[in-house]
């Protein structure tokens, strides 16, 4: 396992390693990297070197992962913020792919692909949009979807002067509310705490556990859809 990667690489940054499950089925020459982030691997995707990083939710942790890549890599060819998102547009459904044209007003590049996707402004914030009411309010920003890490990655890409992409898959519709407030189960570093999630679920087991099981199934399918889409993109 190497700490340094030579040559030019596209860097993908997600919150959780499971968001890469679909992508991993399309890559080859996978190697683990001893980097100080939660998940770090190098691989080949479509003849290009890629780095897959996951370091937890929110812009701070995502930026830390992106900055680590900037330090460790010989050259960065671009950054891709990827993973799950919540729909704000009622026309978006679960498992739809969303490619940001802008993130919080800052321009994002769209990859070349023959696959269909929804394009539009993305809202990036350091909290989970848990209710349909909140999503309705956030829709007033003009964004079609909301996620948590892209703003942190975009800042690093802008600092380096390299292309920035944001490619996401919808895991919850605009009208959908979550029984569990995921913002209350983050630890001091901002990561989701399994212990806190279980404790919160045990307080309302009849409602929260079925939702967690449903969300887990949705996320598995979403990871596959996202991986299939990215494998057919040129960044």
C-alpha atoms as a PDB file:
ATOM      1  CA  UNK A   1       0.000   0.000   0.000  1.00  0.00           C
ATOM      2  CA  UNK A   2       1.324   3.358  -1.050  1.00  0.00           C
ATOM      3  CA  UNK A   3       1.043   6.799   0.485  1.00  0.00           C
ATOM      4  CA  UNK A   4       1.740   8.551  -2.814  1.00  0.00           C
ATOM      5  CA  UNK A   5       0.130   8.199  -6.240  1.00  0.00           C
ATOM      6  CA  UNK A   6       2.039   9.198  -9.367  1.00  0.00           C
ATOM      7  CA  UNK A   7       0.485  10.636 -12.511  1.00  0.00           C
ATOM      8  CA  UNK A   8      -2.783  12.484 -12.980  1.00  0.00           C
ATOM      9  CA  UNK A   9      -5.901  11.276 -11.165  1.00  0.00           C
ATOM     10  CA  UNK A  10      -9.578  12.156 -10.934  1.00  0.00           C
ATOM     11  CA  UNK A  11     -10.517  12.363  -7.240  1.00  0.00           C
ATOM     12  CA  UNK A  12     -13.984  11.257  -6.140  1.00  0.00           C
ATOM     13  CA  UNK A  13     -15.085  12.409  -2.680  1.00  0.00           C
ATOM     14  CA  UNK A  14     -18.142  10.982  -0.900  1.00  0.00           C
ATOM     15  CA  UNK A  15     -19.373  10.964   2.678  1.00  0.00           C
ATOM     16  CA  UNK A  16     -19.607   7.197   3.229  1.00  0.00           C
ATOM     17  CA  UNK A  17     -17.720   4.291   1.666  1.00  0.00           C
ATOM     18  CA  UNK A  18     -20.970   2.544   0.707  1.00  0.00           C
ATOM     19  CA  UNK A  19     -21.654   5.329  -1.761  1.00  0.00           C
ATOM     20  CA  UNK A  20     -18.786   3.816  -3.782  1.00  0.00           C
ATOM     21  CA  UNK A  21     -20.179   0.265  -3.796  1.00  0.00           C
ATOM     22  CA  UNK A  22     -21.537   0.629  -7.334  1.00  0.00           C
ATOM     23  CA  UNK A  23     -18.409   2.320  -8.671  1.00  0.00           C
ATOM     24  CA  UNK A  24     -16.185  -0.399  -7.247  1.00  0.00           C
ATOM     25  CA  UNK A  25     -17.878  -2.976  -9.467  1.00  0.00           C
ATOM     26  CA  UNK A  26     -16.588  -1.083 -12.519  1.00  0.00           C
ATOM     27  CA  UNK A  27     -12.971  -0.464 -11.523  1.00  0.00           C
ATOM     28  CA  UNK A  28      -9.789  -2.518 -11.661  1.00  0.00           C
ATOM     29  CA  UNK A  29      -6.374  -2.495  -9.986  1.00  0.00           C
ATOM     30  CA  UNK A  30      -7.823  -1.445  -6.639  1.00  0.00           C
ATOM     31  CA  UNK A  31      -5.289  -0.527  -3.960  1.00  0.00           C
ATOM     32  CA  UNK A  32      -5.870   0.684  -0.411  1.00  0.00           C
ATOM     33  CA  UNK A  33      -4.151   3.943   0.530  1.00  0.00           C
ATOM     34  CA  UNK A  34      -2.744   4.662   3.985  1.00  0.00           C
ATOM     35  CA  UNK A  35      -4.184   8.163   4.117  1.00  0.00           C
ATOM     36  CA  UNK A  36      -5.684   9.798   7.244  1.00  0.00           C
ATOM     37  CA  UNK A  37      -9.266   9.596   5.948  1.00  0.00           C
ATOM     38  CA  UNK A  38     -11.895   6.968   6.719  1.00  0.00           C
ATOM     39  CA  UNK A  39     -11.805   5.335   3.276  1.00  0.00           C
ATOM     40  CA  UNK A  40      -9.120   5.787   0.615  1.00  0.00           C
ATOM     41  CA  UNK A  41      -8.471   3.654  -2.458  1.00  0.00           C
ATOM     42  CA  UNK A  42      -6.837   4.087  -5.837  1.00  0.00           C
ATOM     43  CA  UNK A  43      -8.109   2.283  -8.924  1.00  0.00           C
ATOM     44  CA  UNK A  44      -8.452   2.395 -12.704  1.00  0.00           C
ATOM     45  CA  UNK A  45     -11.797   3.395 -14.209  1.00  0.00           C
ATOM     46  CA  UNK A  46     -12.222   3.399 -17.956  1.00  0.00           C
ATOM     47  CA  UNK A  47      -8.493   3.627 -18.520  1.00  0.00           C
ATOM     48  CA  UNK A  48      -7.981   6.503 -16.081  1.00  0.00           C
ATOM     49  CA  UNK A  49      -6.494   6.635 -12.617  1.00  0.00           C
ATOM     50  CA  UNK A  50      -9.074   7.477  -9.954  1.00  0.00           C
ATOM     51  CA  UNK A  51      -8.921   8.078  -6.224  1.00  0.00           C
ATOM     52  CA  UNK A  52     -11.952   7.217  -4.091  1.00  0.00           C
ATOM     53  CA  UNK A  53     -12.188   9.008  -0.740  1.00  0.00           C
ATOM     54  CA  UNK A  54     -14.863   8.995   1.970  1.00  0.00           C
ATOM     55  CA  UNK A  55     -14.388  10.900   5.194  1.00  0.00           C
ATOM     56  CA  UNK A  56     -17.841  11.534   6.662  1.00  0.00           C
ATOM     57  CA  UNK A  57     -20.651  14.024   6.012  1.00  0.00           C
ATOM     58  CA  UNK A  58     -20.418  17.772   5.694  1.00  0.00           C
ATOM     59  CA  UNK A  59     -18.167  20.289   3.945  1.00  0.00           C
ATOM     60  CA  UNK A  60     -15.375  20.279   6.539  1.00  0.00           C
ATOM     61  CA  UNK A  61     -14.684  16.545   6.400  1.00  0.00           C
ATOM     62  CA  UNK A  62     -15.050  16.492   2.610  1.00  0.00           C
ATOM     63  CA  UNK A  63     -12.597  19.375   2.247  1.00  0.00           C
ATOM     64  CA  UNK A  64     -10.121  17.567   4.497  1.00  0.00           C
ATOM     65  CA  UNK A  65     -10.257  14.544   2.200  1.00  0.00           C
ATOM     66  CA  UNK A  66      -9.852  16.669  -0.924  1.00  0.00           C
ATOM     67  CA  UNK A  67      -6.938  18.576   0.599  1.00  0.00           C
ATOM     68  CA  UNK A  68      -5.256  15.292   1.519  1.00  0.00           C
ATOM     69  CA  UNK A  69      -5.503  14.235  -2.112  1.00  0.00           C
ATOM     70  CA  UNK A  70      -3.987  17.528  -3.215  1.00  0.00           C
ATOM     71  CA  UNK A  71      -1.018  16.896  -0.908  1.00  0.00           C
ATOM     72  CA  UNK A  72      -0.516  13.244  -1.795  1.00  0.00           C
ATOM     73  CA  UNK A  73      -1.041  13.213  -5.552  1.00  0.00           C
ATOM     74  CA  UNK A  74       1.514  14.138  -8.158  1.00  0.00           C
ATOM     75  CA  UNK A  75      -1.247  15.888 -10.105  1.00  0.00           C
ATOM     76  CA  UNK A  76      -5.032  16.220  -9.712  1.00  0.00           C
ATOM     77  CA  UNK A  77      -6.995  16.198 -12.966  1.00  0.00           C
ATOM     78  CA  UNK A  78     -10.284  17.133 -11.296  1.00  0.00           C
ATOM     79  CA  UNK A  79     -12.542  16.574  -8.298  1.00  0.00           C
ATOM     80  CA  UNK A  80     -15.940  14.848  -8.302  1.00  0.00           C
ATOM     81  CA  UNK A  81     -18.238  15.280  -5.323  1.00  0.00           C
ATOM     82  CA  UNK A  82     -20.476  12.238  -5.379  1.00  0.00           C
ATOM     83  CA  UNK A  83     -22.903  10.163  -3.322  1.00  0.00           C
ATOM     84  CA  UNK A  84     -26.501  10.522  -2.222  1.00  0.00           C
ATOM     85  CA  UNK A  85     -28.740  13.585  -2.299  1.00  0.00           C
ATOM     86  CA  UNK A  86     -32.264  14.628  -1.432  1.00  0.00           C
ATOM     87  CA  UNK A  87     -34.591  15.889  -4.144  1.00  0.00           C
ATOM     88  CA  UNK A  88     -36.028  19.389  -3.948  1.00  0.00           C
ATOM     89  CA  UNK A  89     -37.716  19.258  -7.345  1.00  0.00           C
ATOM     90  CA  UNK A  90     -40.937  17.226  -7.355  1.00  0.00           C
ATOM     91  CA  UNK A  91     -40.060  15.858 -10.804  1.00  0.00           C
ATOM     92  CA  UNK A  92     -37.078  13.982  -9.341  1.00  0.00           C
ATOM     93  CA  UNK A  93     -37.634  10.459  -8.107  1.00  0.00           C
ATOM     94  CA  UNK A  94     -35.641   7.979  -6.071  1.00  0.00           C
ATOM     95  CA  UNK A  95     -32.574   6.665  -7.947  1.00  0.00           C
ATOM     96  CA  UNK A  96     -32.591   9.559 -10.417  1.00  0.00           C
ATOM     97  CA  UNK A  97     -29.142  10.922 -11.235  1.00  0.00           C
ATOM     98  CA  UNK A  98     -28.521  14.631 -10.654  1.00  0.00           C
ATOM     99  CA  UNK A  99     -25.539  16.493 -12.111  1.00  0.00           C
ATOM    100  CA  UNK A 100     -24.992  19.956 -10.687  1.00  0.00           C
ATOM    101  CA  UNK A 101     -24.668  22.941 -12.986  1.00  0.00           C
ATOM    102  CA  UNK A 102     -23.831  25.038  -9.932  1.00  0.00           C
ATOM    103  CA  UNK A 103     -23.217  24.368  -6.245  1.00  0.00           C
ATOM    104  CA  UNK A 104     -24.291  27.220  -3.984  1.00  0.00           C
ATOM    105  CA  UNK A 105     -23.956  29.515  -6.975  1.00  0.00           C
ATOM    106  CA  UNK A 106     -20.472  28.348  -8.014  1.00  0.00           C
ATOM    107  CA  UNK A 107     -20.194  26.730 -11.442  1.00  0.00           C
ATOM    108  CA  UNK A 108     -19.686  22.991 -11.834  1.00  0.00           C
ATOM    109  CA  UNK A 109     -18.623  21.094 -14.958  1.00  0.00           C
ATOM    110  CA  UNK A 110     -20.889  18.438 -16.441  1.00  0.00           C
ATOM    111  CA  UNK A 111     -19.301  15.168 -17.571  1.00  0.00           C
ATOM    112  CA  UNK A 112     -19.755  13.809 -21.087  1.00  0.00           C
ATOM    113  CA  UNK A 113     -22.169  10.877 -21.154  1.00  0.00           C
ATOM    114  CA  UNK A 114     -24.887   9.248 -23.249  1.00  0.00           C
ATOM    115  CA  UNK A 115     -26.866   8.481 -20.105  1.00  0.00           C
ATOM    116  CA  UNK A 116     -29.860  10.580 -19.086  1.00  0.00           C
ATOM    117  CA  UNK A 117     -29.713  12.744 -15.980  1.00  0.00           C
ATOM    118  CA  UNK A 118     -31.228  15.842 -14.418  1.00  0.00           C
ATOM    119  CA  UNK A 119     -29.058  18.960 -14.491  1.00  0.00           C
ATOM    120  CA  UNK A 120     -29.507  22.025 -12.345  1.00  0.00           C
ATOM    121  CA  UNK A 121     -28.325  24.004  -9.337  1.00  0.00           C
ATOM    122  CA  UNK A 122     -27.387  21.996  -6.243  1.00  0.00           C
ATOM    123  CA  UNK A 123     -27.644  23.240  -2.673  1.00  0.00           C
ATOM    124  CA  UNK A 124     -24.842  22.137  -0.337  1.00  0.00           C
ATOM    125  CA  UNK A 125     -25.338  22.556   3.416  1.00  0.00           C
ATOM    126  CA  UNK A 126     -23.944  21.089   6.621  1.00  0.00           C
ATOM    127  CA  UNK A 127     -27.181  19.411   7.686  1.00  0.00           C
ATOM    128  CA  UNK A 128     -29.589  16.741   6.507  1.00  0.00           C
ATOM    129  CA  UNK A 129     -32.864  18.033   5.046  1.00  0.00           C
ATOM    130  CA  UNK A 130     -35.100  15.679   7.015  1.00  0.00           C
ATOM    131  CA  UNK A 131     -38.623  16.942   6.305  1.00  0.00           C
ATOM    132  CA  UNK A 132     -40.739  17.713   3.299  1.00  0.00           C
ATOM    133  CA  UNK A 133     -41.430  21.132   4.804  1.00  0.00           C
ATOM    134  CA  UNK A 134     -37.734  21.961   4.965  1.00  0.00           C
ATOM    135  CA  UNK A 135     -37.214  20.775   1.396  1.00  0.00           C
ATOM    136  CA  UNK A 136     -40.088  22.975   0.230  1.00  0.00           C
ATOM    137  CA  UNK A 137     -38.395  25.960   1.875  1.00  0.00           C
ATOM    138  CA  UNK A 138     -34.997  25.074   0.392  1.00  0.00           C
ATOM    139  CA  UNK A 139     -36.549  24.842  -3.056  1.00  0.00           C
ATOM    140  CA  UNK A 140     -36.943  28.618  -2.931  1.00  0.00           C
ATOM    141  CA  UNK A 141     -33.156  28.842  -3.472  1.00  0.00           C
ATOM    142  CA  UNK A 142     -33.692  27.533  -7.008  1.00  0.00           C
ATOM    143  CA  UNK A 143     -31.810  24.299  -6.316  1.00  0.00           C
ATOM    144  CA  UNK A 144     -33.214  21.006  -7.576  1.00  0.00           C
ATOM    145  CA  UNK A 145     -31.449  18.851  -4.958  1.00  0.00           C
ATOM    146  CA  UNK A 146     -29.602  19.150  -1.664  1.00  0.00           C
ATOM    147  CA  UNK A 147     -26.515  17.412  -0.308  1.00  0.00           C
ATOM    148  CA  UNK A 148     -23.773  18.021   2.268  1.00  0.00           C
ATOM    149  CA  UNK A 149     -20.222  17.749   0.908  1.00  0.00           C
ATOM    150  CA  UNK A 150     -19.942  19.435  -2.485  1.00  0.00           C
ATOM    151  CA  UNK A 151     -19.243  22.951  -1.189  1.00  0.00           C
ATOM    152  CA  UNK A 152     -16.161  21.737   0.665  1.00  0.00           C
ATOM    153  CA  UNK A 153     -14.808  19.872  -2.350  1.00  0.00           C
ATOM    154  CA  UNK A 154     -15.552  22.762  -4.713  1.00  0.00           C
ATOM    155  CA  UNK A 155     -13.452  25.145  -2.638  1.00  0.00           C
ATOM    156  CA  UNK A 156     -10.420  22.861  -2.893  1.00  0.00           C
ATOM    157  CA  UNK A 157     -10.910  22.391  -6.644  1.00  0.00           C
ATOM    158  CA  UNK A 158     -11.192  26.139  -7.125  1.00  0.00           C
ATOM    159  CA  UNK A 159      -8.034  26.734  -5.092  1.00  0.00           C
ATOM    160  CA  UNK A 160      -6.127  24.279  -7.296  1.00  0.00           C
ATOM    161  CA  UNK A 161      -7.683  25.580 -10.497  1.00  0.00           C
ATOM    162  CA  UNK A 162      -8.931  22.147 -11.614  1.00  0.00           C
ATOM    163  CA  UNK A 163     -12.378  21.070 -12.879  1.00  0.00           C
ATOM    164  CA  UNK A 164     -15.083  20.406 -10.309  1.00  0.00           C
ATOM    165  CA  UNK A 165     -18.014  18.042 -10.867  1.00  0.00           C
ATOM    166  CA  UNK A 166     -20.934  17.090  -8.645  1.00  0.00           C
ATOM    167  CA  UNK A 167     -22.713  13.855  -9.570  1.00  0.00           C
ATOM    168  CA  UNK A 168     -25.367  12.569  -7.193  1.00  0.00           C
ATOM    169  CA  UNK A 169     -28.175  10.024  -6.915  1.00  0.00           C
ATOM    170  CA  UNK A 170     -31.512  10.736  -5.229  1.00  0.00           C
ATOM    171  CA  UNK A 171     -32.322   8.674  -2.153  1.00  0.00           C
ATOM    172  CA  UNK A 172     -35.339  10.641  -0.883  1.00  0.00           C
ATOM    173  CA  UNK A 173     -38.015  12.525  -2.786  1.00  0.00           C
ATOM    174  CA  UNK A 174     -38.910  16.184  -2.294  1.00  0.00           C
ATOM    175  CA  UNK A 175     -42.108  15.376  -0.407  1.00  0.00           C
ATOM    176  CA  UNK A 176     -40.508  12.698   1.775  1.00  0.00           C
ATOM    177  CA  UNK A 177     -39.887  13.221   5.481  1.00  0.00           C
ATOM    178  CA  UNK A 178     -37.593  11.074   7.600  1.00  0.00           C
ATOM    179  CA  UNK A 179     -38.727   9.690  10.940  1.00  0.00           C
ATOM    180  CA  UNK A 180     -35.225  10.082  12.361  1.00  0.00           C
ATOM    181  CA  UNK A 181     -33.566  13.490  12.610  1.00  0.00           C
ATOM    182  CA  UNK A 182     -30.090  12.551  11.407  1.00  0.00           C
ATOM    183  CA  UNK A 183     -28.727  15.916  12.500  1.00  0.00           C
ATOM    184  CA  UNK A 184     -29.164  14.854  16.132  1.00  0.00           C
ATOM    185  CA  UNK A 185     -27.088  11.686  15.756  1.00  0.00           C
ATOM    186  CA  UNK A 186     -23.815  13.232  14.550  1.00  0.00           C
ATOM    187  CA  UNK A 187     -20.779  13.084  16.807  1.00  0.00           C
ATOM    188  CA  UNK A 188     -18.395  15.875  17.757  1.00  0.00           C
ATOM    189  CA  UNK A 189     -16.531  15.499  14.450  1.00  0.00           C
ATOM    190  CA  UNK A 190     -19.753  15.696  12.460  1.00  0.00           C
ATOM    191  CA  UNK A 191     -19.926  12.017  11.527  1.00  0.00           C
ATOM    192  CA  UNK A 192     -23.057   9.924  11.973  1.00  0.00           C
ATOM    193  CA  UNK A 193     -22.815   7.863  15.161  1.00  0.00           C
ATOM    194  CA  UNK A 194     -24.131   4.307  14.937  1.00  0.00           C
ATOM    195  CA  UNK A 195     -24.612   4.254  18.708  1.00  0.00           C
ATOM    196  CA  UNK A 196     -26.679   7.447  18.614  1.00  0.00           C
ATOM    197  CA  UNK A 197     -28.724   6.189  15.685  1.00  0.00           C
ATOM    198  CA  UNK A 198     -29.536   2.954  17.534  1.00  0.00           C
ATOM    199  CA  UNK A 199     -30.385   4.828  20.727  1.00  0.00           C
ATOM    200  CA  UNK A 200     -32.724   7.155  18.848  1.00  0.00           C
ATOM    201  CA  UNK A 201     -34.305   4.238  17.015  1.00  0.00           C
ATOM    202  CA  UNK A 202     -34.945   2.365  20.261  1.00  0.00           C
ATOM    203  CA  UNK A 203     -36.961   5.304  21.547  1.00  0.00           C
ATOM    204  CA  UNK A 204     -39.382   4.876  18.615  1.00  0.00           C
ATOM    205  CA  UNK A 205     -38.683   1.380  17.294  1.00  0.00           C
ATOM    206  CA  UNK A 206     -41.984   0.850  15.512  1.00  0.00           C
ATOM    207  CA  UNK A 207     -41.443   3.874  13.297  1.00  0.00           C
ATOM    208  CA  UNK A 208     -37.694   4.321  13.005  1.00  0.00           C
ATOM    209  CA  UNK A 209     -36.439   0.759  12.454  1.00  0.00           C
ATOM    210  CA  UNK A 210     -38.692   0.085   9.412  1.00  0.00           C
ATOM    211  CA  UNK A 211     -37.521   3.379   7.925  1.00  0.00           C
ATOM    212  CA  UNK A 212     -33.866   2.517   8.509  1.00  0.00           C
ATOM    213  CA  UNK A 213     -34.335  -0.849   6.798  1.00  0.00           C
ATOM    214  CA  UNK A 214     -36.116   0.821   3.865  1.00  0.00           C
ATOM    215  CA  UNK A 215     -33.432   3.495   3.608  1.00  0.00           C
ATOM    216  CA  UNK A 216     -30.714   0.848   3.631  1.00  0.00           C
ATOM    217  CA  UNK A 217     -32.368  -0.949   0.697  1.00  0.00           C
ATOM    218  CA  UNK A 218     -32.747   2.335  -1.175  1.00  0.00           C
ATOM    219  CA  UNK A 219     -29.110   3.257  -0.588  1.00  0.00           C
ATOM    220  CA  UNK A 220     -27.891  -0.092  -1.906  1.00  0.00           C
ATOM    221  CA  UNK A 221     -29.859   0.399  -5.121  1.00  0.00           C
ATOM    222  CA  UNK A 222     -28.772   4.046  -5.320  1.00  0.00           C
ATOM    223  CA  UNK A 223     -25.102   3.091  -5.101  1.00  0.00           C
ATOM    224  CA  UNK A 224     -25.523   0.684  -8.014  1.00  0.00           C
ATOM    225  CA  UNK A 225     -27.332   3.311 -10.122  1.00  0.00           C
ATOM    226  CA  UNK A 226     -24.661   5.892  -9.342  1.00  0.00           C
ATOM    227  CA  UNK A 227     -21.823   3.528 -10.176  1.00  0.00           C
ATOM    228  CA  UNK A 228     -23.394   2.520 -13.488  1.00  0.00           C
ATOM    229  CA  UNK A 229     -23.807   6.183 -14.424  1.00  0.00           C
ATOM    230  CA  UNK A 230     -20.275   7.245 -13.470  1.00  0.00           C
ATOM    231  CA  UNK A 231     -18.772   4.279 -15.325  1.00  0.00           C
ATOM    232  CA  UNK A 232     -20.320   5.689 -18.506  1.00  0.00           C
ATOM    233  CA  UNK A 233     -19.048   9.246 -18.000  1.00  0.00           C
ATOM    234  CA  UNK A 234     -15.950  11.022 -19.273  1.00  0.00           C
ATOM    235  CA  UNK A 235     -14.579  13.558 -16.798  1.00  0.00           C
END
